Amino acid sequence: MEGIKHIRIDDRLIHGQVAGLWTNNLKANRIMVINDPIAADEVQKNLLRMVAPPTVRTSIIARDTAVANISNGKYHGQNVFIVVKSPEDVLYLLNNGLDIKEVNLGNISSRENTEKIKAGINVTASERAALKELLAKGVRITTIRTPSDPVVELTVSEL
């Protein structure tokens, strides 16, 4: 996965913490949001672009487009910070050929039919299943809120 620096699950997508702390820490020159509904919504795409740092390129694309672009080496020579909305997005990317070794589980807000697994991380049954499958496939999942926080790994027993 040439050019891919970091993958973060954060249902807020691009916001202050991502735009400032994470992007600077990773020295990212591109933030890539991968999510089908967001990629199809011009209003949401424009809002996300407005909160991204002006010095960082943004790509807001569907999962299939991401798989094709990354597989074809489109981001060679870049430092791309990927942000997805849910663990299911990451599982889709992995199951469609991307060699994902590690993902950072950031914020997933409380919603109807969710259960809290850690502070700021609330999952549905299908998101829980996706996390379990990612772990079973050897993906390391960390739960680091900000880049300066200590690395904490998610374990199956927490799910």
Protein backbone atom coordinates (compact mmCIF):
# COMPACT_ATOMS: atom_id res chain seq x y z
CA MET A 1 0.00 0.00 0.00
CA GLU A 2 2.43 2.57 -1.28
CA GLY A 3 1.97 6.04 0.12
CA ILE A 4 -0.47 5.03 2.85
CA LYS A 5 0.83 6.33 6.17
CA HIS A 6 -1.99 5.60 8.62
CA ILE A 7 -5.61 4.37 8.75
CA ARG A 8 -8.00 5.71 11.37
CA ILE A 9 -11.61 4.81 12.10
CA ASP A 10 -13.35 7.99 13.28
CA ASP A 11 -17.03 8.60 12.59
CA ARG A 12 -16.44 12.35 12.69
CA LEU A 13 -14.08 11.93 9.71
CA ILE A 14 -12.21 15.24 9.24
CA HIS A 15 -12.41 17.44 12.34
CA GLY A 16 -10.00 19.45 14.49
CA GLN A 17 -8.14 16.49 15.97
CA VAL A 18 -7.71 14.80 12.58
CA ALA A 19 -6.98 18.01 10.67
CA GLY A 20 -4.52 19.33 13.22
CA LEU A 21 -2.94 16.79 15.53
CA TRP A 22 -2.99 13.64 13.41
CA THR A 23 -2.22 15.21 10.05
CA ASN A 24 0.72 17.17 11.47
CA ASN A 25 2.07 14.23 13.46
CA LEU A 26 1.93 11.96 10.42
CA LYS A 27 3.30 14.68 8.10
CA ALA A 28 0.41 13.75 5.81
CA ASN A 29 0.07 15.61 2.54
CA ARG A 30 -3.31 14.01 1.76
CA ILE A 31 -6.32 13.09 3.88
CA MET A 32 -8.39 10.40 2.21
CA VAL A 33 -11.92 9.80 3.44
CA ILE A 34 -13.22 6.42 2.28
CA ASN A 35 -16.95 5.94 2.67
CA ASP A 36 -19.61 5.25 0.02
CA PRO A 37 -22.47 7.45 1.34
CA ILE A 38 -20.16 10.42 2.01
CA ALA A 39 -18.50 10.10 -1.41
CA ALA A 40 -21.94 10.34 -3.03
CA ASP A 41 -22.99 13.45 -1.06
CA GLU A 42 -21.60 16.70 -2.52
CA VAL A 43 -22.71 18.78 0.50
CA GLN A 44 -20.89 16.47 2.94
CA LYS A 45 -17.81 16.40 0.71
CA ASN A 46 -17.68 20.19 0.58
CA LEU A 47 -18.07 20.46 4.36
CA LEU A 48 -15.23 18.01 4.93
CA ARG A 49 -12.97 19.85 2.50
CA MET A 50 -13.64 23.11 4.37
CA VAL A 51 -12.31 21.70 7.66
CA ALA A 52 -9.25 20.06 6.11
CA PRO A 53 -5.99 22.02 6.38
CA PRO A 54 -5.48 24.16 3.27
CA THR A 55 -1.98 22.74 2.78
CA VAL A 56 -3.23 19.14 2.64
CA ARG A 57 -4.98 17.61 -0.36
CA THR A 58 -8.23 15.78 0.25
CA SER A 59 -9.76 12.78 -1.46
CA ILE A 60 -13.28 11.77 -0.53
CA ILE A 61 -13.95 8.56 -2.38
CA ALA A 62 -16.00 5.38 -2.47
CA ARG A 63 -14.54 2.11 -1.24
CA ASP A 64 -14.20 0.57 -4.73
CA THR A 65 -12.39 3.66 -5.99
CA ALA A 66 -10.04 3.53 -3.01
CA VAL A 67 -9.23 -0.15 -3.63
CA ALA A 68 -8.50 0.53 -7.31
CA ASN A 69 -6.42 3.67 -6.68
CA ILE A 70 -4.36 2.18 -3.86
CA SER A 71 -3.86 -1.13 -5.69
CA ASN A 72 -2.65 0.75 -8.77
CA GLY A 73 -0.05 2.71 -6.79
CA LYS A 74 -1.71 6.09 -7.36
CA TYR A 75 -0.37 7.48 -4.06
CA HIS A 76 3.26 6.45 -4.52
CA GLY A 77 5.53 9.10 -2.99
CA GLN A 78 2.77 10.63 -0.86
CA ASN A 79 1.95 10.44 2.84
CA VAL A 80 -1.74 9.57 2.84
CA PHE A 81 -3.78 9.57 6.02
CA ILE A 82 -6.91 7.47 5.52
CA VAL A 83 -9.99 8.14 7.64
CA VAL A 84 -13.03 5.87 7.51
CA LYS A 85 -16.34 6.05 9.33
CA SER A 86 -16.63 2.46 10.49
CA PRO A 87 -14.77 -0.83 11.00
CA GLU A 88 -16.90 -2.22 8.18
CA ASP A 89 -15.17 0.16 5.75
CA VAL A 90 -11.76 -1.23 6.78
CA LEU A 91 -12.97 -4.83 6.53
CA TYR A 92 -14.26 -4.13 3.01
CA LEU A 93 -10.88 -2.72 1.97
CA LEU A 94 -9.05 -5.73 3.45
CA ASN A 95 -11.44 -8.24 1.90
CA ASN A 96 -10.99 -6.59 -1.49
CA GLY A 97 -7.25 -6.96 -1.66
CA LEU A 98 -5.64 -4.18 0.35
CA ASP A 99 -2.83 -5.34 2.62
CA ILE A 100 -3.90 -3.68 5.86
CA LYS A 101 -1.68 -4.52 8.82
CA GLU A 102 -2.81 -1.91 11.37
CA VAL A 103 -5.67 0.47 12.01
CA ASN A 104 -6.32 3.03 14.72
CA LEU A 105 -9.79 2.93 16.24
CA GLY A 106 -10.58 6.51 17.21
CA ASN A 107 -14.02 7.85 17.95
CA ILE A 108 -17.29 6.10 17.17
CA SER A 109 -20.17 8.04 18.71
CA SER A 110 -23.00 6.54 20.70
CA ARG A 111 -26.04 5.85 18.53
CA GLU A 112 -29.14 3.72 18.75
CA ASN A 113 -28.27 0.03 19.14
CA THR A 114 -24.64 0.63 20.13
CA GLU A 115 -22.67 -0.58 23.10
CA LYS A 116 -19.67 1.18 24.61
CA ILE A 117 -16.47 -0.87 24.41
CA LYS A 118 -14.07 1.93 25.42
CA ALA A 119 -14.33 5.64 26.13
CA GLY A 120 -15.57 7.30 22.95
CA ILE A 121 -15.98 3.98 21.12
CA ASN A 122 -19.51 2.65 20.73
CA VAL A 123 -20.27 -0.14 18.29
CA THR A 124 -23.24 -1.88 16.74
CA ALA A 125 -23.36 -5.66 16.48
CA SER A 126 -22.14 -5.51 12.87
CA GLU A 127 -19.28 -3.14 13.76
CA ARG A 128 -18.30 -5.46 16.62
CA ALA A 129 -18.31 -8.41 14.20
CA ALA A 130 -16.14 -6.45 11.74
CA LEU A 131 -13.62 -5.65 14.49
CA LYS A 132 -13.48 -9.31 15.53
CA GLU A 133 -12.94 -10.35 11.92
CA LEU A 134 -10.17 -7.79 11.46
CA LEU A 135 -8.42 -9.11 14.57
CA ALA A 136 -8.90 -12.71 13.41
CA LYS A 137 -7.26 -11.79 10.09
CA GLY A 138 -4.20 -10.46 11.92
CA VAL A 139 -4.90 -6.72 11.75
CA ARG A 140 -3.47 -4.86 14.73
CA ILE A 141 -6.09 -2.47 16.13
CA THR A 142 -4.94 0.36 18.37
CA THR A 143 -7.19 2.72 20.32
CA ILE A 144 -5.13 5.89 20.39
CA ARG A 145 -7.21 9.06 20.73
CA THR A 146 -4.41 11.54 19.96
CA PRO A 147 -0.91 10.97 18.59
CA SER A 148 0.66 11.78 21.97
CA ASP A 149 -1.39 9.15 23.83
CA PRO A 150 0.18 5.80 24.68
CA VAL A 151 -0.41 2.94 22.26
CA VAL A 152 -3.18 0.66 23.51
CA GLU A 153 -4.23 -2.38 21.49
CA LEU A 154 -7.79 -3.62 21.21
CA THR A 155 -8.19 -7.28 22.11
CA VAL A 156 -10.90 -9.80 21.28
CA SER A 157 -11.79 -10.03 24.98
CA GLU A 158 -12.85 -6.36 24.92
CA LEU A 159 -15.38 -7.14 22.20
